[in-house]
Amino acid sequence: MEIEVKDNPAQHRFETTIEGHTSVIEYKLRPGVMTVLHTEVPKELEGRGIAGTMTKYTLEHIAANSLQLVPLCPYMRAYLKKHPEYQYLVKDNAGESV
C-alpha cells in the first residue's frame, strides 16, 4: 500500500487519508525548529505501518528544510530510538535525551 503524506501548514500537521480515515502528525513550527507534538492513526488503520511511514516523511521534511527537531511526541521519540540515523536532527537542548 502506497501512502501519500502531505504537509498541511494551515493546520500545523502532516496528514494522509486512507479509506476515509485521516492520520496526522501535529507540529509547531518556529524559525529553524519543528516541534512534533502528536501522532494519531485511527483504530481502523492501525497495524499497517502508517505512523512509521508518516514519521519518516516528517523527518525527511525536517532534514530537507534544514530544521531542527524537538520530539515531544512519544511515537516520534520511540521511532528515533529505532532509527538513530535521524538523531542528528534533534535539537541539542530539547530536554531529556531521546
PDB file of N, CA and C in Angstrom:
ATOM      1  N   MET A   1       0.845  -1.180   0.000  1.00  0.00           N
ATOM      2  CA  MET A   1       0.000   0.000   0.000  1.00  0.00           C
ATOM      3  C   MET A   1       0.888   1.241   0.000  1.00  0.00           C
ATOM      4  N   GLU A   2       0.675   2.120  -0.956  1.00  0.00           N
ATOM      5  CA  GLU A   2       1.421   3.366  -1.016  1.00  0.00           C
ATOM      6  C   GLU A   2       0.682   4.429  -0.220  1.00  0.00           C
ATOM      7  N   ILE A   3       1.425   5.123   0.620  1.00  0.00           N
ATOM      8  CA  ILE A   3       0.841   6.140   1.486  1.00  0.00           C
ATOM      9  C   ILE A   3       1.337   7.500   1.033  1.00  0.00           C
ATOM     10  N   GLU A   4       0.407   8.389   0.692  1.00  0.00           N
ATOM     11  CA  GLU A   4       0.768   9.740   0.279  1.00  0.00           C
ATOM     12  C   GLU A   4       0.582  10.677   1.468  1.00  0.00           C
ATOM     13  N   VAL A   5       1.687  11.223   1.948  1.00  0.00           N
ATOM     14  CA  VAL A   5       1.670  12.134   3.088  1.00  0.00           C
ATOM     15  C   VAL A   5       1.796  13.555   2.563  1.00  0.00           C
ATOM     16  N   LYS A   6       1.001  14.455   3.110  1.00  0.00           N
ATOM     17  CA  LYS A   6       1.036  15.862   2.704  1.00  0.00           C
ATOM     18  C   LYS A   6       1.207  16.737   3.925  1.00  0.00           C
ATOM     19  N   ASP A   7       1.910  17.840   3.729  1.00  0.00           N
ATOM     20  CA  ASP A   7       2.016  18.846   4.776  1.00  0.00           C
ATOM     21  C   ASP A   7       0.794  19.751   4.670  1.00  0.00           C
ATOM     22  N   ASN A   8       0.144  19.994   5.789  1.00  0.00           N
ATOM     23  CA  ASN A   8      -0.991  20.909   5.850  1.00  0.00           C
ATOM     24  C   ASN A   8      -0.596  22.029   6.809  1.00  0.00           C
ATOM     25  N   PRO A   9       0.176  23.018   6.308  1.00  0.00           N
ATOM     26  CA  PRO A   9       0.693  24.061   7.194  1.00  0.00           C
ATOM     27  C   PRO A   9      -0.396  24.902   7.855  1.00  0.00           C
ATOM     28  N   ALA A  10      -1.539  25.031   7.228  1.00  0.00           N
ATOM     29  CA  ALA A  10      -2.629  25.815   7.822  1.00  0.00           C
ATOM     30  C   ALA A  10      -3.111  25.182   9.124  1.00  0.00           C
ATOM     31  N   GLN A  11      -3.040  23.835   9.212  1.00  0.00           N
ATOM     32  CA  GLN A  11      -3.481  23.141  10.429  1.00  0.00           C
ATOM     33  C   GLN A  11      -2.301  22.605  11.244  1.00  0.00           C
ATOM     34  N   HIS A  12      -1.080  22.951  10.827  1.00  0.00           N
ATOM     35  CA  HIS A  12       0.141  22.552  11.537  1.00  0.00           C
ATOM     36  C   HIS A  12       0.223  21.037  11.708  1.00  0.00           C
ATOM     37  N   ARG A  13       0.099  20.340  10.569  1.00  0.00           N
ATOM     38  CA  ARG A  13       0.175  18.887  10.648  1.00  0.00           C
ATOM     39  C   ARG A  13       0.510  18.278   9.290  1.00  0.00           C
ATOM     40  N   PHE A  14       1.106  17.083   9.367  1.00  0.00           N
ATOM     41  CA  PHE A  14       1.252  16.226   8.197  1.00  0.00           C
ATOM     42  C   PHE A  14       0.074  15.271   8.255  1.00  0.00           C
ATOM     43  N   GLU A  15      -0.446  14.888   7.094  1.00  0.00           N
ATOM     44  CA  GLU A  15      -1.636  14.044   7.104  1.00  0.00           C
ATOM     45  C   GLU A  15      -1.694  13.133   5.894  1.00  0.00           C
ATOM     46  N   THR A  16      -2.432  12.059   6.076  1.00  0.00           N
ATOM     47  CA  THR A  16      -2.756  11.160   4.975  1.00  0.00           C
ATOM     48  C   THR A  16      -4.160  10.628   5.233  1.00  0.00           C
ATOM     49  N   THR A  17      -4.926  10.467   4.172  1.00  0.00           N
ATOM     50  CA  THR A  17      -6.273   9.928   4.302  1.00  0.00           C
ATOM     51  C   THR A  17      -6.344   8.622   3.535  1.00  0.00           C
ATOM     52  N   ILE A  18      -6.742   7.570   4.254  1.00  0.00           N
ATOM     53  CA  ILE A  18      -6.859   6.228   3.677  1.00  0.00           C
ATOM     54  C   ILE A  18      -8.226   5.681   4.069  1.00  0.00           C
ATOM     55  N   GLU A  19      -8.955   5.201   3.077  1.00  0.00           N
ATOM     56  CA  GLU A  19     -10.280   4.616   3.321  1.00  0.00           C
ATOM     57  C   GLU A  19     -11.173   5.553   4.134  1.00  0.00           C
ATOM     58  N   GLY A  20     -11.058   6.853   3.870  1.00  0.00           N
ATOM     59  CA  GLY A  20     -11.902   7.844   4.530  1.00  0.00           C
ATOM     60  C   GLY A  20     -11.461   8.226   5.934  1.00  0.00           C
ATOM     61  N   HIS A  21     -10.334   7.690   6.408  1.00  0.00           N
ATOM     62  CA  HIS A  21      -9.828   7.991   7.750  1.00  0.00           C
ATOM     63  C   HIS A  21      -8.521   8.773   7.620  1.00  0.00           C
ATOM     64  N   THR A  22      -8.388   9.841   8.392  1.00  0.00           N
ATOM     65  CA  THR A  22      -7.208  10.689   8.316  1.00  0.00           C
ATOM     66  C   THR A  22      -6.277  10.439   9.502  1.00  0.00           C
ATOM     67  N   SER A  23      -5.019  10.188   9.181  1.00  0.00           N
ATOM     68  CA  SER A  23      -3.952  10.047  10.170  1.00  0.00           C
ATOM     69  C   SER A  23      -3.152  11.341  10.152  1.00  0.00           C
ATOM     70  N   VAL A  24      -2.648  11.757  11.321  1.00  0.00           N
ATOM     71  CA  VAL A  24      -1.956  13.036  11.402  1.00  0.00           C
ATOM     72  C   VAL A  24      -0.717  12.973  12.292  1.00  0.00           C
ATOM     73  N   ILE A  25       0.214  13.855  11.995  1.00  0.00           N
ATOM     74  CA  ILE A  25       1.322  14.196  12.881  1.00  0.00           C
ATOM     75  C   ILE A  25       1.243  15.700  13.073  1.00  0.00           C
ATOM     76  N   GLU A  26       0.941  16.119  14.293  1.00  0.00           N
ATOM     77  CA  GLU A  26       0.782  17.538  14.600  1.00  0.00           C
ATOM     78  C   GLU A  26       2.124  18.128  15.010  1.00  0.00           C
ATOM     79  N   TYR A  27       2.339  19.374  14.599  1.00  0.00           N
ATOM     80  CA  TYR A  27       3.602  20.034  14.908  1.00  0.00           C
ATOM     81  C   TYR A  27       3.418  21.520  15.179  1.00  0.00           C
ATOM     82  N   LYS A  28       4.434  22.088  15.767  1.00  0.00           N
ATOM     83  CA  LYS A  28       4.520  23.536  15.960  1.00  0.00           C
ATOM     84  C   LYS A  28       5.804  23.956  15.270  1.00  0.00           C
ATOM     85  N   LEU A  29       5.734  25.036  14.513  1.00  0.00           N
ATOM     86  CA  LEU A  29       6.886  25.488  13.752  1.00  0.00           C
ATOM     87  C   LEU A  29       7.274  26.890  14.202  1.00  0.00           C
ATOM     88  N   ARG A  30       8.558  27.046  14.481  1.00  0.00           N
ATOM     89  CA  ARG A  30       9.110  28.374  14.723  1.00  0.00           C
ATOM     90  C   ARG A  30      10.399  28.445  13.915  1.00  0.00           C
ATOM     91  N   PRO A  31      10.992  29.606  13.741  1.00  0.00           N
ATOM     92  CA  PRO A  31      12.150  29.714  12.854  1.00  0.00           C
ATOM     93  C   PRO A  31      13.233  28.670  13.155  1.00  0.00           C
ATOM     94  N   GLY A  32      13.468  27.800  12.180  1.00  0.00           N
ATOM     95  CA  GLY A  32      14.522  26.812  12.261  1.00  0.00           C
ATOM     96  C   GLY A  32      14.224  25.573  13.091  1.00  0.00           C
ATOM     97  N   VAL A  33      13.035  25.500  13.708  1.00  0.00           N
ATOM     98  CA  VAL A  33      12.732  24.389  14.612  1.00  0.00           C
ATOM     99  C   VAL A  33      11.297  23.887  14.407  1.00  0.00           C
ATOM    100  N   MET A  34      11.161  22.568  14.287  1.00  0.00           N
ATOM    101  CA  MET A  34       9.836  21.949  14.262  1.00  0.00           C
ATOM    102  C   MET A  34       9.696  21.098  15.519  1.00  0.00           C
ATOM    103  N   THR A  35       8.656  21.375  16.292  1.00  0.00           N
ATOM    104  CA  THR A  35       8.348  20.584  17.470  1.00  0.00           C
ATOM    105  C   THR A  35       7.218  19.632  17.096  1.00  0.00           C
ATOM    106  N   VAL A  36       7.483  18.334  17.178  1.00  0.00           N
ATOM    107  CA  VAL A  36       6.459  17.338  16.855  1.00  0.00           C
ATOM    108  C   VAL A  36       5.707  17.022  18.147  1.00  0.00           C
ATOM    109  N   LEU A  37       4.397  17.271  18.114  1.00  0.00           N
ATOM    110  CA  LEU A  37       3.567  17.189  19.306  1.00  0.00           C
ATOM    111  C   LEU A  37       2.830  15.872  19.472  1.00  0.00           C
ATOM    112  N   HIS A  38       2.310  15.328  18.362  1.00  0.00           N
ATOM    113  CA  HIS A  38       1.385  14.199  18.492  1.00  0.00           C
ATOM    114  C   HIS A  38       1.275  13.448  17.171  1.00  0.00           C
ATOM    115  N   THR A  39       1.203  12.130  17.256  1.00  0.00           N
ATOM    116  CA  THR A  39       0.940  11.272  16.098  1.00  0.00           C
ATOM    117  C   THR A  39      -0.347  10.510  16.387  1.00  0.00           C
ATOM    118  N   GLU A  40      -1.251  10.502  15.415  1.00  0.00           N
ATOM    119  CA  GLU A  40      -2.521   9.799  15.618  1.00  0.00           C
ATOM    120  C   GLU A  40      -2.932   9.058  14.354  1.00  0.00           C
ATOM    121  N   VAL A  41      -3.177   7.764  14.524  1.00  0.00           N
ATOM    122  CA  VAL A  41      -3.691   6.910  13.450  1.00  0.00           C
ATOM    123  C   VAL A  41      -5.000   6.322  13.959  1.00  0.00           C
ATOM    124  N   PRO A  42      -6.106   6.509  13.211  1.00  0.00           N
ATOM    125  CA  PRO A  42      -7.385   5.936  13.653  1.00  0.00           C
ATOM    126  C   PRO A  42      -7.298   4.417  13.830  1.00  0.00           C
ATOM    127  N   LYS A  43      -8.062   3.906  14.777  1.00  0.00           N
ATOM    128  CA  LYS A  43      -8.056   2.466  15.073  1.00  0.00           C
ATOM    129  C   LYS A  43      -8.284   1.617  13.829  1.00  0.00           C
ATOM    130  N   GLU A  44      -9.108   2.107  12.919  1.00  0.00           N
ATOM    131  CA  GLU A  44      -9.421   1.357  11.700  1.00  0.00           C
ATOM    132  C   GLU A  44      -8.191   1.131  10.819  1.00  0.00           C
ATOM    133  N   LEU A  45      -7.147   1.951  11.018  1.00  0.00           N
ATOM    134  CA  LEU A  45      -5.956   1.875  10.171  1.00  0.00           C
ATOM    135  C   LEU A  45      -4.724   1.361  10.906  1.00  0.00           C
ATOM    136  N   GLU A  46      -4.851   1.061  12.173  1.00  0.00           N
ATOM    137  CA  GLU A  46      -3.695   0.620  12.955  1.00  0.00           C
ATOM    138  C   GLU A  46      -3.098  -0.667  12.400  1.00  0.00           C
ATOM    139  N   GLY A  47      -1.797  -0.824  12.609  1.00  0.00           N
ATOM    140  CA  GLY A  47      -1.111  -2.049  12.213  1.00  0.00           C
ATOM    141  C   GLY A  47      -0.704  -2.123  10.759  1.00  0.00           C
ATOM    142  N   ARG A  48      -0.790  -1.020  10.042  1.00  0.00           N
ATOM    143  CA  ARG A  48      -0.438  -1.007   8.614  1.00  0.00           C
ATOM    144  C   ARG A  48       0.851  -0.260   8.322  1.00  0.00           C
ATOM    145  N   GLY A  49       1.538   0.194   9.365  1.00  0.00           N
ATOM    146  CA  GLY A  49       2.786   0.928   9.168  1.00  0.00           C
ATOM    147  C   GLY A  49       2.605   2.384   8.793  1.00  0.00           C
ATOM    148  N   ILE A  50       1.408   2.895   8.967  1.00  0.00           N
ATOM    149  CA  ILE A  50       1.110   4.273   8.563  1.00  0.00           C
ATOM    150  C   ILE A  50       1.880   5.275   9.414  1.00  0.00           C
ATOM    151  N   ALA A  51       1.892   5.093  10.725  1.00  0.00           N
ATOM    152  CA  ALA A  51       2.603   6.027  11.606  1.00  0.00           C
ATOM    153  C   ALA A  51       4.091   6.051  11.267  1.00  0.00           C
ATOM    154  N   GLY A  52       4.664   4.891  11.010  1.00  0.00           N
ATOM    155  CA  GLY A  52       6.082   4.827  10.655  1.00  0.00           C
ATOM    156  C   GLY A  52       6.377   5.538   9.346  1.00  0.00           C
ATOM    157  N   THR A  53       5.541   5.325   8.349  1.00  0.00           N
ATOM    158  CA  THR A  53       5.718   5.986   7.054  1.00  0.00           C
ATOM    159  C   THR A  53       5.594   7.496   7.203  1.00  0.00           C
ATOM    160  N   MET A  54       4.602   7.930   7.968  1.00  0.00           N
ATOM    161  CA  MET A  54       4.404   9.367   8.176  1.00  0.00           C
ATOM    162  C   MET A  54       5.557   9.979   8.970  1.00  0.00           C
ATOM    163  N   THR A  55       6.071   9.239   9.930  1.00  0.00           N
ATOM    164  CA  THR A  55       7.178   9.746  10.735  1.00  0.00           C
ATOM    165  C   THR A  55       8.431   9.898   9.883  1.00  0.00           C
ATOM    166  N   LYS A  56       8.708   8.904   9.043  1.00  0.00           N
ATOM    167  CA  LYS A  56       9.864   9.008   8.142  1.00  0.00           C
ATOM    168  C   LYS A  56       9.697  10.210   7.218  1.00  0.00           C
ATOM    169  N   TYR A  57       8.512  10.413   6.678  1.00  0.00           N
ATOM    170  CA  TYR A  57       8.248  11.564   5.814  1.00  0.00           C
ATOM    171  C   TYR A  57       8.528  12.861   6.567  1.00  0.00           C
ATOM    172  N   THR A  58       8.054  12.932   7.811  1.00  0.00           N
ATOM    173  CA  THR A  58       8.246  14.127   8.626  1.00  0.00           C
ATOM    174  C   THR A  58       9.731  14.395   8.851  1.00  0.00           C
ATOM    175  N   LEU A  59      10.481  13.352   9.190  1.00  0.00           N
ATOM    176  CA  LEU A  59      11.906  13.517   9.423  1.00  0.00           C
ATOM    177  C   LEU A  59      12.643  13.926   8.149  1.00  0.00           C
ATOM    178  N   GLU A  60      12.260  13.371   7.016  1.00  0.00           N
ATOM    179  CA  GLU A  60      12.865  13.756   5.739  1.00  0.00           C
ATOM    180  C   GLU A  60      12.532  15.217   5.410  1.00  0.00           C
ATOM    181  N   HIS A  61      11.304  15.635   5.728  1.00  0.00           N
ATOM    182  CA  HIS A  61      10.902  17.030   5.521  1.00  0.00           C
ATOM    183  C   HIS A  61      11.757  17.957   6.388  1.00  0.00           C
ATOM    184  N   ILE A  62      11.948  17.580   7.643  1.00  0.00           N
ATOM    185  CA  ILE A  62      12.759  18.376   8.560  1.00  0.00           C
ATOM    186  C   ILE A  62      14.183  18.496   8.027  1.00  0.00           C
ATOM    187  N   ALA A  63      14.757  17.378   7.585  1.00  0.00           N
ATOM    188  CA  ALA A  63      16.119  17.385   7.045  1.00  0.00           C
ATOM    189  C   ALA A  63      16.214  18.236   5.781  1.00  0.00           C
ATOM    190  N   ALA A  64      15.275  18.071   4.871  1.00  0.00           N
ATOM    191  CA  ALA A  64      15.296  18.790   3.592  1.00  0.00           C
ATOM    192  C   ALA A  64      15.159  20.296   3.771  1.00  0.00           C
ATOM    193  N   ASN A  65      14.528  20.695   4.871  1.00  0.00           N
ATOM    194  CA  ASN A  65      14.313  22.119   5.130  1.00  0.00           C
ATOM    195  C   ASN A  65      15.287  22.678   6.170  1.00  0.00           C
ATOM    196  N   SER A  66      16.329  21.902   6.474  1.00  0.00           N
ATOM    197  CA  SER A  66      17.375  22.315   7.419  1.00  0.00           C
ATOM    198  C   SER A  66      16.808  22.795   8.747  1.00  0.00           C
ATOM    199  N   LEU A  67      15.818  22.057   9.241  1.00  0.00           N
ATOM    200  CA  LEU A  67      15.217  22.383  10.524  1.00  0.00           C
ATOM    201  C   LEU A  67      15.824  21.509  11.611  1.00  0.00           C
ATOM    202  N   GLN A  68      15.644  21.930  12.847  1.00  0.00           N
ATOM    203  CA  GLN A  68      15.980  21.088  13.985  1.00  0.00           C
ATOM    204  C   GLN A  68      14.676  20.536  14.537  1.00  0.00           C
ATOM    205  N   LEU A  69      14.750  19.410  15.217  1.00  0.00           N
ATOM    206  CA  LEU A  69      13.575  18.700  15.717  1.00  0.00           C
ATOM    207  C   LEU A  69      13.538  18.714  17.238  1.00  0.00           C
ATOM    208  N   VAL A  70      12.358  19.022  17.778  1.00  0.00           N
ATOM    209  CA  VAL A  70      12.089  18.822  19.194  1.00  0.00           C
ATOM    210  C   VAL A  70      10.988  17.761  19.247  1.00  0.00           C
ATOM    211  N   PRO A  71      11.342  16.519  19.601  1.00  0.00           N
ATOM    212  CA  PRO A  71      10.382  15.409  19.556  1.00  0.00           C
ATOM    213  C   PRO A  71       9.617  15.232  20.873  1.00  0.00           C
ATOM    214  N   LEU A  72       8.502  15.921  21.030  1.00  0.00           N
ATOM    215  CA  LEU A  72       7.681  15.776  22.233  1.00  0.00           C
ATOM    216  C   LEU A  72       6.745  14.576  22.133  1.00  0.00           C
ATOM    217  N   CYS A  73       6.421  14.171  20.924  1.00  0.00           N
ATOM    218  CA  CYS A  73       5.515  13.043  20.684  1.00  0.00           C
ATOM    219  C   CYS A  73       6.182  11.725  21.090  1.00  0.00           C
ATOM    220  N   PRO A  74       5.515  10.917  21.929  1.00  0.00           N
ATOM    221  CA  PRO A  74       6.090   9.632  22.332  1.00  0.00           C
ATOM    222  C   PRO A  74       6.395   8.700  21.148  1.00  0.00           C
ATOM    223  N   TYR A  75       5.534   8.704  20.135  1.00  0.00           N
ATOM    224  CA  TYR A  75       5.785   7.840  18.972  1.00  0.00           C
ATOM    225  C   TYR A  75       7.058   8.282  18.256  1.00  0.00           C
ATOM    226  N   MET A  76       7.202   9.586  18.065  1.00  0.00           N
ATOM    227  CA  MET A  76       8.392  10.120  17.398  1.00  0.00           C
ATOM    228  C   MET A  76       9.653   9.756  18.182  1.00  0.00           C
ATOM    229  N   ARG A  77       9.594   9.868  19.484  1.00  0.00           N
ATOM    230  CA  ARG A  77      10.752   9.543  20.327  1.00  0.00           C
ATOM    231  C   ARG A  77      11.112   8.062  20.196  1.00  0.00           C
ATOM    232  N   ALA A  78      10.112   7.189  20.191  1.00  0.00           N
ATOM    233  CA  ALA A  78      10.355   5.755  20.033  1.00  0.00           C
ATOM    234  C   ALA A  78      10.946   5.459  18.654  1.00  0.00           C
ATOM    235  N   TYR A  79      10.441   6.122  17.622  1.00  0.00           N
ATOM    236  CA  TYR A  79      10.949   5.927  16.264  1.00  0.00           C
ATOM    237  C   TYR A  79      12.422   6.317  16.181  1.00  0.00           C
ATOM    238  N   LEU A  80      12.769   7.427  16.808  1.00  0.00           N
ATOM    239  CA  LEU A  80      14.158   7.894  16.787  1.00  0.00           C
ATOM    240  C   LEU A  80      15.099   6.912  17.471  1.00  0.00           C
ATOM    241  N   LYS A  81      14.623   6.235  18.505  1.00  0.00           N
ATOM    242  CA  LYS A  81      15.457   5.230  19.174  1.00  0.00           C
ATOM    243  C   LYS A  81      15.752   4.059  18.244  1.00  0.00           C
ATOM    244  N   LYS A  82      14.794   3.729  17.389  1.00  0.00           N
ATOM    245  CA  LYS A  82      14.967   2.616  16.452  1.00  0.00           C
ATOM    246  C   LYS A  82      15.692   3.034  15.174  1.00  0.00           C
ATOM    247  N   HIS A  83      15.746   4.339  14.916  1.00  0.00           N
ATOM    248  CA  HIS A  83      16.350   4.875  13.689  1.00  0.00           C
ATOM    249  C   HIS A  83      17.344   5.977  14.036  1.00  0.00           C
ATOM    250  N   PRO A  84      18.489   5.605  14.599  1.00  0.00           N
ATOM    251  CA  PRO A  84      19.459   6.612  15.044  1.00  0.00           C
ATOM    252  C   PRO A  84      20.028   7.472  13.918  1.00  0.00           C
ATOM    253  N   GLU A  85      19.827   7.065  12.675  1.00  0.00           N
ATOM    254  CA  GLU A  85      20.318   7.868  11.551  1.00  0.00           C
ATOM    255  C   GLU A  85      19.665   9.244  11.488  1.00  0.00           C
ATOM    256  N   TYR A  86      18.544   9.431  12.202  1.00  0.00           N
ATOM    257  CA  TYR A  86      17.868  10.732  12.241  1.00  0.00           C
ATOM    258  C   TYR A  86      18.192  11.517  13.506  1.00  0.00           C
ATOM    259  N   GLN A  87      19.001  10.967  14.367  1.00  0.00           N
ATOM    260  CA  GLN A  87      19.307  11.596  15.651  1.00  0.00           C
ATOM    261  C   GLN A  87      19.942  12.982  15.477  1.00  0.00           C
ATOM    262  N   TYR A  88      20.664  13.172  14.382  1.00  0.00           N
ATOM    263  CA  TYR A  88      21.333  14.457  14.151  1.00  0.00           C
ATOM    264  C   TYR A  88      20.350  15.618  14.016  1.00  0.00           C
ATOM    265  N   LEU A  89      19.091  15.322  13.753  1.00  0.00           N
ATOM    266  CA  LEU A  89      18.085  16.370  13.617  1.00  0.00           C
ATOM    267  C   LEU A  89      17.602  16.913  14.955  1.00  0.00           C
ATOM    268  N   VAL A  90      17.811  16.149  16.014  1.00  0.00           N
ATOM    269  CA  VAL A  90      17.265  16.525  17.322  1.00  0.00           C
ATOM    270  C   VAL A  90      18.012  17.726  17.869  1.00  0.00           C
ATOM    271  N   LYS A  91      17.250  18.729  18.247  1.00  0.00           N
ATOM    272  CA  LYS A  91      17.810  19.963  18.814  1.00  0.00           C
ATOM    273  C   LYS A  91      18.508  19.622  20.126  1.00  0.00           C
ATOM    274  N   ASP A  92      19.733  20.073  20.264  1.00  0.00           N
ATOM    275  CA  ASP A  92      20.572  19.723  21.410  1.00  0.00           C
ATOM    276  C   ASP A  92      19.960  20.014  22.770  1.00  0.00           C
ATOM    277  N   ASN A  93      19.282  21.133  22.898  1.00  0.00           N
ATOM    278  CA  ASN A  93      18.738  21.490  24.215  1.00  0.00           C
ATOM    279  C   ASN A  93      17.242  21.207  24.293  1.00  0.00           C
ATOM    280  N   ALA A  94      16.824  20.098  23.679  1.00  0.00           N
ATOM    281  CA  ALA A  94      15.400  19.757  23.658  1.00  0.00           C
ATOM    282  C   ALA A  94      14.936  19.112  24.952  1.00  0.00           C
ATOM    283  N   GLY A  95      15.807  19.017  25.932  1.00  0.00           N
ATOM    284  CA  GLY A  95      15.398  18.388  27.180  1.00  0.00           C
ATOM    285  C   GLY A  95      16.091  17.056  27.325  1.00  0.00           C
ATOM    286  N   GLU A  96      15.370  16.073  27.848  1.00  0.00           N
ATOM    287  CA  GLU A  96      15.971  14.761  28.073  1.00  0.00           C
ATOM    288  C   GLU A  96      16.379  14.126  26.753  1.00  0.00           C
ATOM    289  N   SER A  97      17.361  13.259  26.819  1.00  0.00           N
ATOM    290  CA  SER A  97      17.845  12.635  25.585  1.00  0.00           C
ATOM    291  C   SER A  97      16.806  11.661  25.044  1.00  0.00           C
ATOM    292  N   VAL A  98      16.854  11.484  23.743  1.00  0.00           N
ATOM    293  CA  VAL A  98      15.895  10.625  23.052  1.00  0.00           C
ATOM    294  C   VAL A  98      16.422   9.214  23.039  1.00  0.00           C
TER     295      VAL A  98
END
